[in-house]
Structures are given as structure tokens and as C-alpha cells.
Protein backbone atom coordinates (compact mmCIF):
# COMPACT_ATOMS: atom_id res chain seq x y z
CA MET A 1 67.88 -111.16 -59.20
CA ARG A 2 70.23 -109.64 -56.60
CA ILE A 3 68.95 -106.93 -54.27
CA LEU A 4 71.03 -105.01 -51.73
CA VAL A 5 69.28 -103.63 -48.64
CA SER A 6 71.03 -101.06 -46.45
CA GLY A 7 69.98 -101.21 -42.81
CA ALA A 8 69.18 -104.04 -40.36
CA GLY A 9 66.73 -102.20 -38.12
CA VAL A 10 63.05 -102.97 -38.69
CA ALA A 11 62.25 -102.24 -42.35
CA GLY A 12 65.40 -103.96 -43.66
CA PRO A 13 64.84 -107.41 -42.11
CA VAL A 14 61.11 -107.37 -42.95
CA LEU A 15 61.90 -106.47 -46.55
CA ALA A 16 64.60 -109.14 -46.71
CA TYR A 17 62.16 -111.76 -45.41
CA TRP A 18 59.52 -111.03 -48.03
CA LEU A 19 61.96 -110.62 -50.90
CA THR A 20 63.41 -114.07 -50.24
CA ARG A 21 59.90 -115.51 -50.07
CA HIS A 22 59.29 -114.08 -53.53
CA GLY A 23 62.45 -115.74 -54.87
CA PHE A 24 64.92 -112.82 -54.86
CA SER A 25 68.51 -113.08 -53.62
CA VAL A 26 69.08 -110.57 -50.82
CA THR A 27 72.09 -109.04 -49.11
CA VAL A 28 71.64 -106.76 -46.09
CA VAL A 29 74.52 -104.46 -45.15
CA GLU A 30 74.56 -102.77 -41.75
CA ARG A 31 77.00 -100.15 -40.47
CA ALA A 32 76.90 -101.47 -36.88
CA PRO A 33 79.13 -104.45 -36.04
CA ALA A 34 76.12 -106.51 -34.93
CA LEU A 35 72.39 -106.18 -34.41
CA ARG A 36 71.93 -103.02 -32.38
CA ARG A 37 71.27 -103.61 -28.69
CA THR A 38 71.54 -100.00 -27.61
CA GLY A 39 68.64 -99.98 -25.20
CA GLY A 40 66.09 -98.72 -27.68
CA HIS A 41 62.61 -97.59 -26.78
CA ALA A 42 59.08 -98.94 -26.93
CA VAL A 43 57.41 -98.87 -30.34
CA ASP A 44 53.87 -99.68 -31.42
CA LEU A 45 52.66 -102.21 -33.95
CA PHE A 46 49.11 -101.62 -35.11
CA ARG A 47 46.75 -103.90 -36.99
CA PRO A 48 48.34 -103.87 -40.49
CA ALA A 49 51.83 -104.56 -39.12
CA MET A 50 50.44 -107.18 -36.73
CA ASN A 51 48.77 -108.96 -39.65
CA ILE A 52 52.03 -108.93 -41.64
CA SER A 53 53.94 -110.24 -38.61
CA GLU A 54 51.41 -113.05 -38.30
CA LYS A 55 52.01 -113.98 -41.95
CA MET A 56 55.73 -114.13 -41.13
CA GLY A 57 55.08 -116.56 -38.28
CA VAL A 58 56.69 -114.28 -35.67
CA LEU A 59 53.62 -112.92 -33.91
CA PRO A 60 53.90 -115.30 -30.92
CA ARG A 61 57.46 -114.08 -30.26
CA ILE A 62 56.35 -110.46 -30.58
CA GLU A 63 53.49 -110.95 -28.15
CA GLU A 64 55.80 -112.80 -25.76
CA ARG A 65 58.17 -109.79 -25.79
CA ALA A 66 55.44 -107.16 -25.37
CA THR A 67 56.26 -104.58 -22.72
CA GLY A 68 53.11 -105.35 -20.75
CA THR A 69 52.54 -101.68 -19.94
CA HIS A 70 48.87 -101.31 -19.05
CA ARG A 71 48.66 -98.50 -16.48
CA MET A 72 49.55 -94.81 -16.68
CA THR A 73 50.00 -92.29 -13.89
CA VAL A 74 50.16 -88.65 -14.99
CA TYR A 75 51.44 -85.75 -12.89
CA ARG A 76 50.68 -82.29 -14.20
CA GLU A 77 53.49 -79.85 -13.56
CA GLY A 78 52.60 -77.80 -10.52
CA SER A 79 49.94 -80.25 -9.29
CA ARG A 80 50.46 -82.88 -6.60
CA ARG A 81 47.40 -84.97 -7.46
CA PRO A 82 48.08 -87.57 -10.14
CA VAL A 83 45.64 -88.80 -12.75
CA ARG A 84 45.54 -92.55 -13.29
CA ALA A 85 44.44 -94.22 -16.50
CA ASP A 86 44.03 -97.69 -17.98
CA LEU A 87 46.48 -97.79 -20.91
CA SER A 88 45.25 -101.14 -22.20
CA LYS A 89 41.79 -99.67 -22.69
CA ILE A 90 43.21 -96.60 -24.44
CA PHE A 91 45.25 -98.78 -26.80
CA SER A 92 42.31 -101.06 -27.55
CA ALA A 93 40.17 -98.01 -28.27
CA THR A 94 42.80 -96.71 -30.70
CA SER A 95 43.28 -99.94 -32.65
CA ASP A 96 41.57 -103.31 -32.51
CA ARG A 97 44.94 -105.05 -32.83
CA HIS A 98 48.00 -103.59 -31.16
CA VAL A 99 51.17 -104.47 -29.26
CA GLU A 100 53.91 -102.38 -27.68
CA ILE A 101 57.41 -103.86 -27.86
CA MET A 102 60.98 -102.66 -27.41
CA ARG A 103 62.47 -101.71 -30.75
CA ASP A 104 65.63 -103.80 -30.29
CA ASP A 105 63.53 -106.88 -29.50
CA LEU A 106 61.44 -106.33 -32.61
CA SER A 107 64.50 -105.91 -34.82
CA GLU A 108 65.97 -109.16 -33.50
CA ILE A 109 62.74 -111.07 -34.09
CA TYR A 110 62.45 -109.88 -37.68
CA HIS A 111 66.13 -110.62 -38.33
CA ASP A 112 65.81 -114.16 -37.00
CA ALA A 113 62.81 -114.85 -39.25
CA ALA A 114 64.97 -115.10 -42.38
CA HIS A 115 68.62 -114.90 -41.36
CA ASP A 116 69.35 -118.33 -42.81
CA ASP A 117 68.08 -117.22 -46.22
CA VAL A 118 69.65 -113.75 -46.31
CA GLU A 119 73.27 -112.67 -46.55
CA TYR A 120 73.76 -110.32 -43.58
CA VAL A 121 76.95 -108.27 -43.50
CA PHE A 122 77.70 -106.15 -40.45
CA GLY A 123 80.35 -103.51 -39.93
CA ASP A 124 80.24 -102.01 -43.43
CA SER A 125 78.50 -99.20 -45.27
CA ILE A 126 77.77 -98.07 -48.82
CA THR A 127 79.93 -95.23 -50.17
CA ALA A 128 78.74 -94.99 -53.79
CA ILE A 129 75.98 -96.34 -56.04
CA SER A 130 76.36 -96.12 -59.82
CA PRO A 131 73.41 -95.99 -62.24
CA ASP A 132 74.29 -99.46 -63.58
CA GLY A 133 74.07 -101.02 -60.12
CA GLU A 134 77.71 -101.12 -59.07
CA VAL A 135 78.00 -100.47 -55.34
CA ARG A 136 81.14 -99.43 -53.46
CA PHE A 137 81.66 -100.02 -49.76
CA GLU A 138 83.82 -98.69 -46.96
CA ASN A 139 85.54 -102.05 -46.43
CA ALA A 140 84.54 -104.63 -49.05
CA ALA A 141 85.34 -104.76 -52.75
CA PRO A 142 82.76 -103.31 -55.17
CA ARG A 143 79.85 -105.51 -56.20
CA ARG A 144 77.02 -105.24 -58.67
CA PHE A 145 73.36 -105.52 -57.72
CA ASP A 146 70.20 -105.28 -59.76
CA LEU A 147 68.48 -103.05 -57.17
CA VAL A 148 69.43 -101.16 -54.01
CA VAL A 149 67.03 -100.29 -51.17
CA GLY A 150 67.75 -97.78 -48.43
CA ALA A 151 66.18 -99.00 -45.18
CA ASP A 152 68.65 -97.04 -43.07
CA GLY A 153 66.47 -94.64 -41.13
CA LEU A 154 65.83 -90.93 -40.87
CA HIS A 155 69.51 -90.09 -41.44
CA SER A 156 69.71 -92.44 -44.41
CA ASN A 157 73.10 -92.82 -46.07
CA VAL A 158 71.49 -94.21 -49.24
CA ARG A 159 69.13 -91.23 -49.48
CA ARG A 160 72.07 -88.84 -49.13
CA LEU A 161 74.06 -90.63 -51.85
CA VAL A 162 71.18 -90.79 -54.34
CA PHE A 163 69.05 -87.72 -53.57
CA GLY A 164 71.71 -85.44 -52.09
CA GLU A 165 71.78 -83.29 -48.96
CA ASP A 166 68.55 -81.40 -49.54
CA SER A 167 67.23 -79.78 -46.37
CA ARG A 168 63.95 -79.07 -48.14
CA LEU A 169 63.13 -82.76 -47.79
CA ASN A 170 62.99 -82.37 -44.00
CA ALA A 171 60.12 -80.71 -42.14
CA PHE A 172 60.95 -80.06 -38.48
CA ILE A 173 57.69 -80.20 -36.53
CA GLY A 174 58.91 -78.33 -33.50
CA ALA A 175 60.02 -80.95 -31.00
CA TYR A 176 62.82 -83.25 -29.85
CA PHE A 177 62.95 -86.51 -27.95
CA GLY A 178 65.47 -88.52 -26.01
CA VAL A 179 65.51 -92.00 -24.46
CA LEU A 180 67.87 -93.36 -21.85
CA THR A 181 68.27 -96.67 -20.06
CA LEU A 182 68.35 -96.50 -16.26
CA PRO A 183 67.78 -98.74 -13.22
CA ASN A 184 64.16 -99.53 -12.46
CA SER A 185 64.43 -97.74 -9.12
CA SER A 186 60.68 -97.08 -8.97
CA ASP A 187 60.03 -100.81 -9.45
CA LEU A 188 57.68 -100.10 -12.33
CA ASP A 189 55.82 -103.20 -13.46
CA GLY A 190 53.35 -102.55 -16.25
CA GLU A 191 53.17 -98.83 -15.45
CA LEU A 192 54.05 -95.68 -17.36
CA LEU A 193 54.86 -92.80 -15.02
CA MET A 194 54.54 -89.37 -16.69
CA HIS A 195 55.22 -85.73 -15.82
CA VAL A 196 53.58 -83.27 -18.20
CA GLY A 197 54.08 -79.53 -18.45
CA VAL A 198 53.67 -76.84 -21.07
CA GLY A 199 56.09 -77.74 -23.87
CA ARG A 200 57.67 -80.72 -22.14
CA THR A 201 56.79 -84.28 -21.21
CA ALA A 202 58.92 -86.84 -19.36
CA GLY A 203 58.05 -90.46 -18.65
CA MET A 204 59.52 -93.65 -17.26
CA TYR A 205 58.43 -97.22 -17.90
CA GLY A 206 59.72 -100.74 -17.57
CA ALA A 207 59.04 -103.93 -19.47
CA ARG A 208 58.12 -107.22 -17.88
CA HIS A 209 61.19 -109.04 -19.27
CA LEU A 210 63.68 -106.20 -18.61
CA GLY A 211 65.60 -105.72 -15.39
CA GLU A 212 65.91 -102.03 -16.24
CA ALA A 213 63.70 -99.12 -17.27
CA ARG A 214 63.56 -96.42 -19.93
CA ALA A 215 63.07 -92.71 -19.45
CA LEU A 216 61.53 -90.83 -22.38
CA PHE A 217 61.80 -87.06 -22.81
CA LEU A 218 59.91 -84.91 -25.34
CA PHE A 219 60.18 -81.14 -25.51
CA ARG A 220 59.21 -78.32 -27.83
CA SER A 221 61.48 -75.80 -29.48
CA GLU A 222 60.33 -72.85 -31.58
CA ARG A 223 63.42 -73.11 -33.75
CA GLU A 224 65.51 -75.98 -35.01
CA ILE A 225 68.55 -76.42 -32.76
CA ASP A 226 71.99 -76.59 -34.35
CA TYR A 227 73.75 -79.83 -33.40
CA HIS A 228 75.12 -82.97 -35.03
CA HIS A 229 72.92 -86.04 -34.72
CA ARG A 230 75.87 -88.07 -33.34
CA ASP A 231 76.97 -85.48 -30.72
CA GLY A 232 75.98 -87.28 -27.50
CA PRO A 233 77.32 -84.71 -24.99
CA ARG A 234 75.39 -81.94 -26.73
CA HIS A 235 72.21 -84.03 -26.70
CA LYS A 236 72.48 -84.55 -22.94
CA GLU A 237 73.09 -80.85 -22.42
CA LEU A 238 69.92 -80.03 -24.36
CA LEU A 239 67.83 -82.42 -22.27
CA ARG A 240 69.13 -81.06 -18.99
CA GLY A 241 68.33 -77.52 -20.11
CA ALA A 242 64.83 -78.39 -21.33
CA PHE A 243 63.76 -80.28 -18.18
CA ALA A 244 65.54 -78.39 -15.42
CA GLY A 245 63.29 -77.85 -12.41
CA MET A 246 60.35 -79.87 -13.69
CA HIS A 247 60.19 -82.28 -10.74
CA ALA A 248 62.61 -83.91 -8.31
CA ARG A 249 61.81 -87.31 -9.83
CA VAL A 250 62.65 -86.05 -13.33
CA ASP A 251 65.90 -84.58 -11.97
CA ARG A 252 66.83 -88.05 -10.72
CA TRP A 253 66.19 -89.47 -14.19
CA LEU A 254 68.43 -86.80 -15.70
CA ASP A 255 71.16 -87.65 -13.18
CA GLU A 256 71.44 -91.02 -14.96
CA LEU A 257 72.54 -89.37 -18.21
CA ASP A 258 76.22 -89.69 -17.29
CA ARG A 259 75.84 -93.32 -16.20
CA THR A 260 73.38 -94.72 -18.72
CA PRO A 261 74.60 -97.64 -20.84
CA ALA A 262 72.36 -96.53 -23.73
CA PHE A 263 71.08 -93.16 -24.87
CA TYR A 264 69.27 -91.89 -27.96
CA PHE A 265 68.32 -88.37 -29.06
CA ASP A 266 66.84 -86.90 -32.23
CA SER A 267 64.58 -84.24 -33.63
CA ILE A 268 60.97 -85.03 -34.45
CA THR A 269 61.25 -84.43 -38.17
CA GLN A 270 59.13 -85.51 -41.10
CA LEU A 271 60.50 -86.47 -44.49
CA ARG A 272 58.38 -85.04 -47.30
CA MET A 273 59.67 -86.35 -50.61
CA ASP A 274 57.77 -86.30 -53.89
CA THR A 275 59.25 -89.68 -54.79
CA TRP A 276 61.26 -92.28 -52.89
CA SER A 277 62.80 -93.88 -55.99
CA ARG A 278 65.46 -92.96 -58.51
CA GLY A 279 66.77 -95.39 -61.11
CA ARG A 280 67.60 -98.73 -59.49
CA VAL A 281 67.32 -97.31 -55.98
CA THR A 282 64.33 -96.88 -53.69
CA LEU A 283 63.76 -96.13 -50.01
CA VAL A 284 61.59 -97.80 -47.40
CA GLY A 285 60.47 -96.82 -43.91
CA ASP A 286 61.97 -93.81 -42.17
CA ALA A 287 64.60 -93.48 -44.90
CA GLY A 288 61.90 -92.43 -47.36
CA TYR A 289 58.86 -91.22 -45.48
CA CYS A 290 59.48 -90.81 -41.76
CA PRO A 291 56.31 -89.24 -40.33
CA GLY A 292 58.09 -88.17 -37.15
CA PRO A 293 59.92 -90.41 -34.67
CA ALA A 294 57.99 -91.22 -31.47
CA VAL A 295 54.71 -89.69 -32.64
CA GLY A 296 53.75 -90.94 -36.10
CA GLY A 297 53.51 -94.72 -36.00
CA SER A 298 56.69 -94.98 -38.06
CA THR A 299 57.45 -98.57 -37.03
CA SER A 300 54.14 -99.90 -38.32
CA LEU A 301 54.56 -97.77 -41.44
CA ALA A 302 58.01 -99.30 -42.04
CA VAL A 303 56.68 -102.86 -41.73
CA VAL A 304 53.83 -102.14 -44.14
CA GLY A 305 56.13 -100.37 -46.60
CA ALA A 306 58.60 -103.27 -46.64
CA TYR A 307 55.81 -105.78 -47.26
CA VAL A 308 54.31 -103.71 -50.08
CA LEU A 309 57.66 -103.04 -51.77
CA ALA A 310 58.55 -106.74 -51.84
CA GLY A 311 55.08 -107.63 -53.07
CA GLU A 312 55.08 -105.08 -55.89
CA LEU A 313 58.53 -106.22 -57.04
CA ALA A 314 57.24 -109.79 -57.17
CA ARG A 315 54.06 -108.74 -58.97
CA ALA A 316 56.15 -106.91 -61.60
CA GLY A 317 58.54 -109.83 -62.06
CA GLY A 318 61.42 -107.75 -60.71
CA ASP A 319 60.85 -104.89 -63.16
CA HIS A 320 61.60 -101.89 -60.93
CA GLU A 321 60.29 -99.41 -63.51
CA ARG A 322 56.85 -100.89 -62.89
CA ALA A 323 57.24 -101.93 -59.27
CA PHE A 324 58.62 -98.72 -57.73
CA PRO A 325 55.78 -96.44 -58.95
CA ALA A 326 53.22 -99.05 -57.89
CA TYR A 327 54.80 -99.27 -54.43
CA GLU A 328 54.65 -95.48 -54.07
CA ARG A 329 51.02 -95.36 -55.19
CA VAL A 330 49.98 -97.99 -52.65
CA MET A 331 51.82 -96.26 -49.80
CA ALA A 332 51.00 -92.62 -50.62
CA GLU A 333 47.74 -92.34 -48.69
CA HIS A 334 49.11 -94.23 -45.68
CA VAL A 335 52.17 -91.95 -45.60
CA ARG A 336 50.06 -88.78 -45.79
CA GLY A 337 47.83 -90.08 -43.03
CA SER A 338 50.81 -90.90 -40.80
CA ARG A 339 52.16 -87.38 -41.24
CA ALA A 340 48.84 -85.92 -40.10
CA VAL A 341 48.76 -88.34 -37.14
CA ALA A 342 52.26 -87.24 -36.11
CA LEU A 343 51.34 -83.56 -36.10
CA SER A 344 48.24 -84.26 -34.04
CA ALA A 345 50.03 -86.61 -31.63
CA ALA A 346 52.86 -84.14 -31.04
CA LYS A 347 50.34 -81.47 -30.00
CA THR A 348 48.69 -83.91 -27.61
CA LEU A 349 51.81 -85.47 -26.09
CA ILE A 350 53.70 -82.18 -25.74
CA PRO A 351 50.98 -79.66 -24.87
CA THR A 352 51.42 -76.02 -25.83
CA SER A 353 49.25 -74.62 -23.02
CA ARG A 354 48.09 -75.32 -19.47
CA LEU A 355 44.70 -76.21 -20.91
CA GLY A 356 46.39 -78.76 -23.14
CA VAL A 357 48.17 -80.27 -20.12
CA TRP A 358 44.85 -80.58 -18.31
CA GLY A 359 43.18 -82.01 -21.40
CA LEU A 360 45.84 -84.71 -21.85
CA ALA A 361 45.42 -85.96 -18.31
CA GLN A 362 41.66 -85.73 -18.14
CA GLY A 363 41.15 -87.15 -21.63
CA ALA A 364 43.18 -90.24 -20.76
CA ARG A 365 41.20 -90.69 -17.55
CA LEU A 366 37.86 -90.31 -19.35
CA ILE A 367 38.67 -92.82 -22.10
CA SER A 368 39.90 -95.39 -19.60
CA ALA A 369 36.87 -94.88 -17.35
CA LEU A 370 34.26 -95.43 -20.07
CA PRO A 371 33.06 -98.90 -21.08
CA ALA A 372 34.91 -100.41 -24.05
CA GLY A 373 32.30 -99.51 -26.69
CA PRO A 374 31.88 -95.82 -25.81
CA SER A 375 35.63 -95.37 -25.28
CA ARG A 376 36.36 -96.71 -28.78
CA ALA A 377 33.71 -94.45 -30.25
CA LEU A 378 35.14 -91.40 -28.45
CA VAL A 379 38.70 -92.11 -29.58
CA ARG A 380 37.65 -92.68 -33.18
CA LEU A 381 35.70 -89.44 -33.20
CA THR A 382 38.46 -87.34 -31.69
CA THR A 383 41.76 -88.76 -32.92
CA LYS A 384 43.24 -89.11 -36.38
CA SER A 385 45.43 -92.03 -35.32
CA ALA A 386 42.47 -94.29 -34.58
CA ARG A 387 40.87 -93.62 -37.95
CA LEU A 388 44.16 -94.23 -39.76
CA HIS A 389 45.17 -97.44 -38.01
CA ASN A 390 41.74 -99.01 -38.40
CA SER A 391 41.17 -98.08 -42.04
CA VAL A 392 44.38 -99.23 -43.76
CA THR A 393 43.93 -102.16 -46.11
CA ILE A 394 46.76 -103.92 -47.94
CA ASP A 395 46.74 -106.32 -50.87
CA ASP A 396 47.80 -109.87 -50.27
CA TYR A 397 51.08 -110.70 -52.03
CA PRO A 398 51.38 -114.48 -51.90
CA PRO A 399 54.90 -115.92 -52.36
CA SER A 400 55.73 -116.88 -55.91
CA PRO A 401 54.88 -120.53 -56.73
CA GLY A 402 57.80 -122.87 -56.35
CA THR A 403 59.97 -120.50 -54.30
CA SER A 404 61.18 -121.13 -50.79
CA GLY A 405 63.47 -118.17 -50.28
CA GLY A 406 67.21 -118.37 -50.04
CA ARG A 407 70.15 -116.67 -51.68
CA GLY A 408 70.39 -118.93 -54.69
CA GLY A 409 73.81 -118.60 -56.29
CA LEU A 410 74.69 -115.30 -54.61
CA ALA A 411 77.64 -116.47 -52.60
CA ALA A 412 79.08 -118.49 -55.47
CA ASP A 413 78.68 -115.55 -57.87
CA HIS A 414 80.33 -113.06 -55.55
CA GLY A 415 83.23 -114.74 -53.91
CA GLY A 416 81.42 -115.96 -50.81
CA GLY A 417 79.80 -112.73 -49.72
CA LEU A 418 80.35 -109.06 -49.07
CA GLY A 419 83.54 -108.37 -47.17
CA VAL A 420 84.38 -112.05 -46.66
CA GLU A 421 87.48 -113.46 -48.28
């Protein structure tokens, strides 16, 4: 059975790994010319995704590439006295199994786990998908697949082709974020440096294996701003306007916008779809149920979704009419919970009042000051994220007997691969 996956970020490679372990033949097509190394930002893996990564045999590499951020210094706008907190204790109070890692590192690790068994094609994109499974591409000749999966992110091309441009699917939750790569001029080692004000938060952090740092910006907007998601100059203009005059240190970070080798900007938007499947096509990760970039645990959700989708397809013997509804049933509660977490996290990370700014700083200090047991109890009582990440359970989907992955006869059946003469 031949399955095409669009997107080689996080969900796509995890899905490809598990599909091959269940005996399916997998092709992954990615618009970028190679694995993206665009700087990226730090993402979190919580217990369910950590457990899945352990099953894949990649957990040691993930832990080796962890950012190592364990301290946080918070400056409230208008106050000269910082608040210092123990991030490792806050993370351990939130989830009993957690790691923070750069997104590009994580994508590479997942890709490497099964690249010998998966047909990866870079520098191409899907242009049409017919109901009978014929797929057309920008560069390669048409090919036929039994199933197609969109794992291509919040601005999913597959979702647009199959479900259309329906703005009602998107729920803007009132904020934007940007990430840029810059020199580690503050010599940050294991520290997150934050400036927090009403409606805006800026931070800078390094990673122990990086010779550079990342600056993260989050800001609120009462209305959705009109811009194209690929318009870099406009994105930089918006950040400068939102953070002007916050602090001299933040101004220096913004000065790097015209020199940065890597920059990312997007709205914090949730996808709220009634179904993620139509015919032979389904969606996974942010393409189908993004809870909100930077605030909703979307990376862990993508890993879990990919694992469940592959498992349900194997359980149904490849029958998508059984597998897709089962996949959606398993994921529904986790998706709803992640949406609620994102709304709560956005309010905390980007405070709407001076009291909220004070509460963010003092709450972090209190949790890190308490002994481990009381701090975990406090977090679980007061945050939705802790309850979600520690309550998710997932079925075990053991690989099908007698399968060892691989593409089978895919290359022979299709002229040696997508876009290759």
C-alpha cells in the first residue's frame, strides 16, 4: 500500500517512521530543497511524545540535543529588579517527563530514524489530488497513491487543496510571535532572559550546543493584522512597532532583524475543524489541528497524532474508511485539551494587565522556590497544561508481525521515485 506524506517537519517524519514499521510503502514530499535549517526555535516534548520517541530509539539523541535551559530571569517593564526562577523545577512540575529541543534538531533526528526506508523527495510540492488517488506535482510527473496525508503545517497546502480556503477553520486567538537568530552577545548558557510588559513579551536564550542565540517575541493585537505569511519585511516592521521602547536590551535584539540569518513570524491561530479527513486524504499535526504555535504544545501533539494515525491504519489493515474515523476519535480529546491549554498559556505568557505581569514573575518564582512535591501540586492545581500532559494515555500499536519497514516495490513500480528520471 502506497502512502504519500506532504511535509518533512516533525509530524511527517514520525508518521513515515511508523508507517514503514507497519509495512506500508511511504513517500515524503517536501517543498524545501533540503531539511529546513532556518534557525528554528525551542519546542517542548512532553511525556507522551517522549515515550513515542523512546519507542523509535531516538530518545538518547533528543536528550543529547536538549537546549539545557534551566534558569529564567524576568524583568517586568518599568521595574529594574529582576525575578529569578528555576526553569528545570517549573518544567518538572508541569510534566514528569519533558525535554526542550530546537525544532530543526528534532526534525533532523526524526528524519534520520527512517530515511533509509522512506522515499524522501525535496524541492517539490503537490498541486492537485484526485478522488481516485492520482496526485499531480509542481515538477514531477503525476503518480497514484492509495492515501495522502497532509503533514505540512498551519498553512497546509494539502488542506487548502482538499478542504478549500475556508477562513472559518481558523480561530485567531489575539497574538503573534516571531523568532530570530542572533549572536549570543549576552553569553547565555542555560538561561532564558525575559522582558514582560502588558501585551508583549520578549525573551532571549541560547542552547548548549549552539554558538548563537534565539530571540522570541510575542505580542497581542485586538484585531487580526492583514499581511501575507511569507512577507518577511512586513513581519519585521510589525515586530519593531510592537516592541518599540520596551527596553534598551530588546532594542538591541530588534537591531539584529536586518542581519539575522534566520527569521520566523506567524499569528497564534488555532485550527478548529470538525473532521481532518476527506476521502483518501487526512491531516496530521498543525495541518489538521494546530492548537496555537508557541503556546499549545503543538509539537508533542503532532508526534502523538502521527503515531496514532499510523497505528490505526495498521489496525484497520490499511482500510482508511475505518482507520481515519478511529484516528480522529482517539485524538479528539487531546486536541480539545491542547486548544484550552493554548488559550490559557497565551494569557499567562502575554499578560493583559499589570497585575498579570506581576503574577507571571511572582508565580514562576514561587513554583521554583517550593520543594518539588508542593511545586508539582501547585502547578497541577492551577494550570491546564499540567493536567493535560500528565493525563494523556495512548494505545500501543506494535509493528505488524513479519514487517521490517522499507519501501517494498515502490521505486520499481514508479520509475525510480518522484521527480527522479
